[in-house]
C-alpha atoms as a PDB file:
ATOM      1  CA  UNK A   1     -13.774  -5.658  40.460  1.00  0.00           C
ATOM      2  CA  UNK A   2     -12.723  -1.731  40.573  1.00  0.00           C
ATOM      3  CA  UNK A   3     -14.264   0.757  38.116  1.00  0.00           C
ATOM      4  CA  UNK A   4     -12.046   3.371  36.761  1.00  0.00           C
ATOM      5  CA  UNK A   5     -12.641   6.790  35.847  1.00  0.00           C
ATOM      6  CA  UNK A   6     -12.317   7.493  31.844  1.00  0.00           C
ATOM      7  CA  UNK A   7     -12.110  11.427  32.044  1.00  0.00           C
ATOM      8  CA  UNK A   8     -14.308  14.299  32.359  1.00  0.00           C
ATOM      9  CA  UNK A   9     -17.085  14.338  30.996  1.00  0.00           C
ATOM     10  CA  UNK A  10     -19.499  17.310  29.760  1.00  0.00           C
ATOM     11  CA  UNK A  11     -20.413  19.132  33.526  1.00  0.00           C
ATOM     12  CA  UNK A  12     -17.493  17.863  34.804  1.00  0.00           C
ATOM     13  CA  UNK A  13     -19.022  14.670  35.335  1.00  0.00           C
ATOM     14  CA  UNK A  14     -16.552  11.405  35.784  1.00  0.00           C
ATOM     15  CA  UNK A  15     -17.766   8.051  33.864  1.00  0.00           C
ATOM     16  CA  UNK A  16     -16.693   5.126  35.741  1.00  0.00           C
ATOM     17  CA  UNK A  17     -16.367   1.497  33.772  1.00  0.00           C
ATOM     18  CA  UNK A  18     -15.389  -1.325  34.972  1.00  0.00           C
ATOM     19  CA  UNK A  19     -11.346  -1.835  34.741  1.00  0.00           C
ATOM     20  CA  UNK A  20     -11.377  -4.453  31.848  1.00  0.00           C
ATOM     21  CA  UNK A  21     -13.919  -1.909  29.619  1.00  0.00           C
ATOM     22  CA  UNK A  22     -11.714   1.249  30.476  1.00  0.00           C
ATOM     23  CA  UNK A  23      -8.455  -0.467  29.901  1.00  0.00           C
ATOM     24  CA  UNK A  24      -9.469  -1.890  26.177  1.00  0.00           C
ATOM     25  CA  UNK A  25     -11.213   1.757  25.769  1.00  0.00           C
ATOM     26  CA  UNK A  26      -8.539   3.403  27.095  1.00  0.00           C
ATOM     27  CA  UNK A  27      -5.807   1.311  24.964  1.00  0.00           C
ATOM     28  CA  UNK A  28      -7.585   1.318  20.889  1.00  0.00           C
ATOM     29  CA  UNK A  29      -8.529   5.501  21.472  1.00  0.00           C
ATOM     30  CA  UNK A  30      -5.568   6.584  23.149  1.00  0.00           C
ATOM     31  CA  UNK A  31      -2.738   4.171  22.610  1.00  0.00           C
ATOM     32  CA  UNK A  32      -3.961   3.853  18.975  1.00  0.00           C
ATOM     33  CA  UNK A  33      -3.744  -0.242  19.650  1.00  0.00           C
ATOM     34  CA  UNK A  34      -5.967  -2.319  17.618  1.00  0.00           C
ATOM     35  CA  UNK A  35      -7.898  -5.384  19.207  1.00  0.00           C
ATOM     36  CA  UNK A  36      -5.888  -7.739  18.758  1.00  0.00           C
ATOM     37  CA  UNK A  37      -2.832  -5.907  19.819  1.00  0.00           C
ATOM     38  CA  UNK A  38      -5.029  -5.539  22.591  1.00  0.00           C
ATOM     39  CA  UNK A  39      -6.010  -9.208  23.179  1.00  0.00           C
ATOM     40  CA  UNK A  40      -2.716 -10.384  22.825  1.00  0.00           C
ATOM     41  CA  UNK A  41      -0.978  -7.655  25.918  1.00  0.00           C
ATOM     42  CA  UNK A  42      -4.316  -9.157  27.553  1.00  0.00           C
ATOM     43  CA  UNK A  43      -3.978 -12.196  26.956  1.00  0.00           C
ATOM     44  CA  UNK A  44      -7.518 -12.412  25.621  1.00  0.00           C
ATOM     45  CA  UNK A  45      -9.590 -13.133  22.679  1.00  0.00           C
ATOM     46  CA  UNK A  46      -9.980 -10.793  20.323  1.00  0.00           C
ATOM     47  CA  UNK A  47     -13.879 -11.253  20.368  1.00  0.00           C
ATOM     48  CA  UNK A  48     -13.675 -10.666  24.304  1.00  0.00           C
ATOM     49  CA  UNK A  49     -11.836  -8.020  23.694  1.00  0.00           C
ATOM     50  CA  UNK A  50     -14.189  -6.221  21.126  1.00  0.00           C
ATOM     51  CA  UNK A  51     -16.533  -7.240  23.282  1.00  0.00           C
ATOM     52  CA  UNK A  52     -15.427  -5.524  26.065  1.00  0.00           C
ATOM     53  CA  UNK A  53     -14.933  -2.235  24.145  1.00  0.00           C
ATOM     54  CA  UNK A  54     -18.953  -2.527  22.961  1.00  0.00           C
ATOM     55  CA  UNK A  55     -20.236  -2.797  26.017  1.00  0.00           C
ATOM     56  CA  UNK A  56     -18.598   0.265  27.168  1.00  0.00           C
ATOM     57  CA  UNK A  57     -19.171   1.944  24.750  1.00  0.00           C
ATOM     58  CA  UNK A  58     -22.531   1.112  25.217  1.00  0.00           C
ATOM     59  CA  UNK A  59     -22.391   2.106  29.070  1.00  0.00           C
ATOM     60  CA  UNK A  60     -20.648   5.652  28.241  1.00  0.00           C
ATOM     61  CA  UNK A  61     -23.619   6.290  25.513  1.00  0.00           C
ATOM     62  CA  UNK A  62     -26.320   5.906  27.891  1.00  0.00           C
ATOM     63  CA  UNK A  63     -24.298   8.034  30.809  1.00  0.00           C
ATOM     64  CA  UNK A  64     -23.503  10.982  28.437  1.00  0.00           C
ATOM     65  CA  UNK A  65     -27.491  11.098  27.217  1.00  0.00           C
ATOM     66  CA  UNK A  66     -28.239  11.589  30.319  1.00  0.00           C
ATOM     67  CA  UNK A  67     -26.413  14.422  31.552  1.00  0.00           C
ATOM     68  CA  UNK A  68     -26.631  15.802  28.194  1.00  0.00           C
ATOM     69  CA  UNK A  69     -29.887  15.019  26.470  1.00  0.00           C
ATOM     70  CA  UNK A  70     -30.061  17.216  24.088  1.00  0.00           C
ATOM     71  CA  UNK A  71     -27.695  16.058  22.148  1.00  0.00           C
ATOM     72  CA  UNK A  72     -29.298  12.444  21.678  1.00  0.00           C
ATOM     73  CA  UNK A  73     -32.095  13.701  19.529  1.00  0.00           C
ATOM     74  CA  UNK A  74     -34.564  11.090  17.814  1.00  0.00           C
ATOM     75  CA  UNK A  75     -33.017  10.027  14.169  1.00  0.00           C
ATOM     76  CA  UNK A  76     -36.697  11.905  13.373  1.00  0.00           C
ATOM     77  CA  UNK A  77     -35.913  15.240  14.407  1.00  0.00           C
ATOM     78  CA  UNK A  78     -32.614  15.671  12.464  1.00  0.00           C
ATOM     79  CA  UNK A  79     -33.570  15.729   8.652  1.00  0.00           C
ATOM     80  CA  UNK A  80     -31.099  12.917   6.945  1.00  0.00           C
ATOM     81  CA  UNK A  81     -29.574  13.478   3.677  1.00  0.00           C
ATOM     82  CA  UNK A  82     -30.719  11.223   0.746  1.00  0.00           C
ATOM     83  CA  UNK A  83     -28.390   8.381  -0.060  1.00  0.00           C
ATOM     84  CA  UNK A  84     -29.195   7.938  -3.532  1.00  0.00           C
ATOM     85  CA  UNK A  85     -29.361   9.906  -6.614  1.00  0.00           C
ATOM     86  CA  UNK A  86     -31.675  12.623  -7.905  1.00  0.00           C
ATOM     87  CA  UNK A  87     -35.361  10.963  -7.881  1.00  0.00           C
END
């Protein structure tokens, strides 16, 4: 299986994903199709479609974190807003 570049990333790097993952992400994010629509177009189950997207996003997050570690600080490094009411 050959990979395809999804597009430019910070620093001009290209992110290669397996075609199956890239295709699902492109159809969802750039073409605006739902996972159900993509599944029907690719003749796969909706679950398989969602799994391909999940794995693709996982790969993208890891590669982007390696390119720009300052953007992926730990959750404890930034204050989180309170979700509850007044104490």
